[in-house]
Amino acid sequence: MRFLVDNQLPPSLARWLRDRGHDAEHVFESGLHLLDDRALWARALASDRIVVSKDEDFLYLTNQPADAGRFLWVRLGNCRNDALIAAFSSSFDTIVAAFDSGQSVVELV
């Protein structure tokens, strides 16, 4: 899978995804951190990436008619990076299966 990790989440999450064999980039690594949500969404669509973010605005972008974008909505409260990675680690197989089954929005809570 291909992921684009938004700026509210740490670059270490993109590294964790890459370590598991996925194509993941963080907006800071790609110089995309200054883009607004719509421009970032368009970039993700153009490169067939799943947006990973805490930003609810992407939920609204995902629900536009005829939109093919995908969104991993991280709904965890503020937490340390190790707790974030632990939450991803324990739920990641379910997340991948949900996207593989065609879901466009998956929540990590």
Protein backbone atom coordinates (compact mmCIF):
# COMPACT_ATOMS: atom_id res chain seq x y z
CA MET A 1 0.00 0.00 0.00
CA ARG A 2 0.99 3.60 -0.55
CA PHE A 3 0.55 6.13 2.26
CA LEU A 4 0.88 9.88 2.70
CA VAL A 5 1.26 10.79 6.38
CA ASP A 6 -0.02 14.25 7.33
CA ASN A 7 1.81 16.76 9.49
CA GLN A 8 -0.03 16.09 12.80
CA LEU A 9 1.62 12.67 12.87
CA PRO A 10 5.34 12.03 13.31
CA PRO A 11 7.73 11.13 10.48
CA SER A 12 8.55 8.00 12.48
CA LEU A 13 5.12 6.65 11.46
CA ALA A 14 6.08 6.83 7.79
CA ARG A 15 9.35 5.05 8.62
CA TRP A 16 7.40 2.37 10.54
CA LEU A 17 5.16 1.82 7.49
CA ARG A 18 8.19 1.59 5.18
CA ASP A 19 9.82 -0.91 7.55
CA ARG A 20 6.77 -3.11 6.97
CA GLY A 21 7.19 -3.00 3.19
CA HIS A 22 4.78 -0.19 2.34
CA ASP A 23 5.47 2.88 0.26
CA ALA A 24 5.02 5.71 2.74
CA GLU A 25 6.03 9.34 2.71
CA HIS A 26 5.58 12.02 5.32
CA VAL A 27 4.56 15.51 4.19
CA PHE A 28 7.70 16.98 5.80
CA GLU A 29 9.94 14.53 3.92
CA SER A 30 8.26 15.42 0.64
CA GLY A 31 8.09 19.19 1.13
CA LEU A 32 4.28 19.02 1.14
CA HIS A 33 3.75 20.25 4.70
CA LEU A 34 2.66 23.74 3.59
CA LEU A 35 -0.10 22.51 1.27
CA ASP A 36 -3.70 23.00 2.33
CA ASP A 37 -5.91 19.94 2.77
CA ARG A 38 -7.44 20.08 -0.71
CA ALA A 39 -4.05 20.29 -2.41
CA LEU A 40 -2.70 17.49 -0.26
CA TRP A 41 -5.77 15.38 -1.06
CA ALA A 42 -5.27 16.01 -4.78
CA ARG A 43 -1.64 14.98 -4.47
CA ALA A 44 -2.62 11.77 -2.69
CA LEU A 45 -5.22 10.97 -5.36
CA ALA A 46 -2.74 11.59 -8.17
CA SER A 47 -0.20 9.23 -6.62
CA ASP A 48 -2.74 6.63 -5.39
CA ARG A 49 -1.84 7.16 -1.73
CA ILE A 50 -3.94 6.70 1.38
CA VAL A 51 -3.94 9.87 3.48
CA VAL A 52 -3.09 9.14 7.12
CA SER A 53 -4.21 12.02 9.31
CA LYS A 54 -5.97 13.17 12.47
CA ASP A 55 -7.64 15.94 10.44
CA GLU A 56 -11.39 15.39 10.08
CA ASP A 57 -11.44 17.59 6.96
CA PHE A 58 -10.19 14.60 4.97
CA LEU A 59 -13.34 12.72 5.92
CA TYR A 60 -15.38 15.34 4.06
CA LEU A 61 -13.03 15.20 1.08
CA THR A 62 -13.36 11.41 0.98
CA ASN A 63 -17.15 11.66 0.82
CA GLN A 64 -17.30 13.84 -2.27
CA PRO A 65 -19.28 12.26 -5.12
CA ALA A 66 -17.14 10.15 -7.46
CA ASP A 67 -14.03 10.61 -5.29
CA ALA A 68 -11.68 7.63 -5.27
CA GLY A 69 -9.50 8.80 -2.38
CA ARG A 70 -8.81 6.78 0.73
CA PHE A 71 -8.34 8.04 4.27
CA LEU A 72 -6.93 6.44 7.41
CA TRP A 73 -8.43 8.59 10.15
CA VAL A 74 -6.32 8.45 13.30
CA ARG A 75 -8.73 9.22 16.12
CA LEU A 76 -6.37 8.61 19.00
CA GLY A 77 -5.94 11.46 21.43
CA ASN A 78 -2.60 13.09 21.99
CA CYS A 79 -0.12 10.36 22.78
CA ARG A 80 3.57 9.66 22.71
CA ASN A 81 5.07 8.31 19.50
CA ASP A 82 5.65 4.86 21.01
CA ALA A 83 1.95 4.62 21.98
CA LEU A 84 0.94 5.69 18.47
CA ILE A 85 3.16 3.05 16.89
CA ALA A 86 1.83 0.44 19.33
CA ALA A 87 -1.75 1.28 18.29
CA PHE A 88 -0.80 0.96 14.62
CA SER A 89 1.02 -2.29 15.27
CA SER A 90 -1.91 -3.93 17.03
CA SER A 91 -4.48 -2.81 14.43
CA PHE A 92 -2.53 -2.75 11.19
CA ASP A 93 -3.62 -6.12 9.78
CA THR A 94 -7.26 -5.06 10.26
CA ILE A 95 -6.56 -1.69 8.64
CA VAL A 96 -4.95 -3.29 5.59
CA ALA A 97 -7.80 -5.81 5.27
CA ALA A 98 -10.37 -2.99 5.41
CA PHE A 99 -8.69 -1.08 2.59
CA ASP A 100 -8.19 -4.30 0.61
CA SER A 101 -11.93 -4.96 0.91
CA GLY A 102 -12.70 -1.60 -0.71
CA GLN A 103 -13.37 0.67 2.24
CA SER A 104 -12.41 4.27 1.55
CA VAL A 105 -12.33 5.41 5.18
CA VAL A 106 -10.80 3.41 8.00
CA GLU A 107 -10.60 4.65 11.58
CA LEU A 108 -7.90 3.92 14.10
CA VAL A 109 -9.39 4.51 17.56
